[in-house]
Every structure is written in C-alpha cells, then in structure tokens.
Amino acid sequence: MKINVDKEWQAIRDPQPQLKPLAQGTGTFKSFVRNQLEVSEVLTLFEGLLETIDEQGKRLSRFKTIKDLQSYKRLVQQFIEKAVSHGLGLSQSHNWQFARGQVQTIIYTIDKHVMELTEEVLKTGADSLAILDKIGEIKGLLINLYL
C-alpha cells in the first residue's frame, strides 16, 4: 500500500482547502440580466422616439410645412425600422406566424395613415383638427407596434 505523503503533508501544512473556480455553467442568470438591460435600453429608445414624434406632430399641426411633414415621416420611418429590428424579434419568437401577419397589418395601416396625413397637409385649407386626428391615430399605431 502506497501512501501519498505529499498530498497529506500539503493538507496538514495548508489547512484552508483550495477552492476551485466555478465552472462556467449555462450562464442563464447572466444572460437574463443582460437581456433585461437590453430590453430596458430598447424601451427607453422607443419612448424617446415617441416623444420626438409627438413634438414633431404638434409642430406639423401648427405650421403645416413640407419640411415639417418630411421630418415627421422620417421619424415615423425610423421608429418602424427600430421596432422591426429590435422589439419584434422577441414577440415573433412566441407566435411567429400570427405576430408576423399582425406586424405587417400594423405597418401597412401606419403607411396608409401617413399618406392620408400627407394629403391633409398638402391641402391648402387643411384643418388642424384633422391633422391632429391623423397624428393621434399614427401615434396609437406606433405604440401598438412596439407593445
């Protein structure tokens, strides 16, 4: 019988057990925290874009210029692009077919309302109330898109 004196002597000499580094597991908690931070950043981005769109919509209803209309349309387009690239990937993973059809319907509806808004602004005697109505409908659809 061979006794390994070196290991026993080391255990006596070094009373604290050596801790092994924890093996890298699946990292579910780490990925969960990272995912929550990303979701928080995306929601902050959406809220900021919605505020900017709302401010531009108010400006558009007041001044009714082509420049303000183009800026409003550009902001709506950026919001839709961000929503499709960031937010909708998560919701489509749960029910892909239904979510995809629903998202396409919302985007087509937003596009239709933006075109109607363009026609209202281009009218010479456009009513500010009609413009605000279209802006409100578009804002509601954008909120529906990212929720």
Foldseek 3Di string as FASTA:
>chain_A
DDDDVVVVVVCVVDVDDDDDDDDDDPCPVVVVVVVVVLVVVLVVVLVVLLVVLVVLLVVCLVPLDPVSLVVNVVSLVVLLVSLVVPQLVVVCVVPVPVSVVVLVVLVVVLVVLSVVLVVLSPDPPRHSVVSVVSSVVNSVSSVVSRD
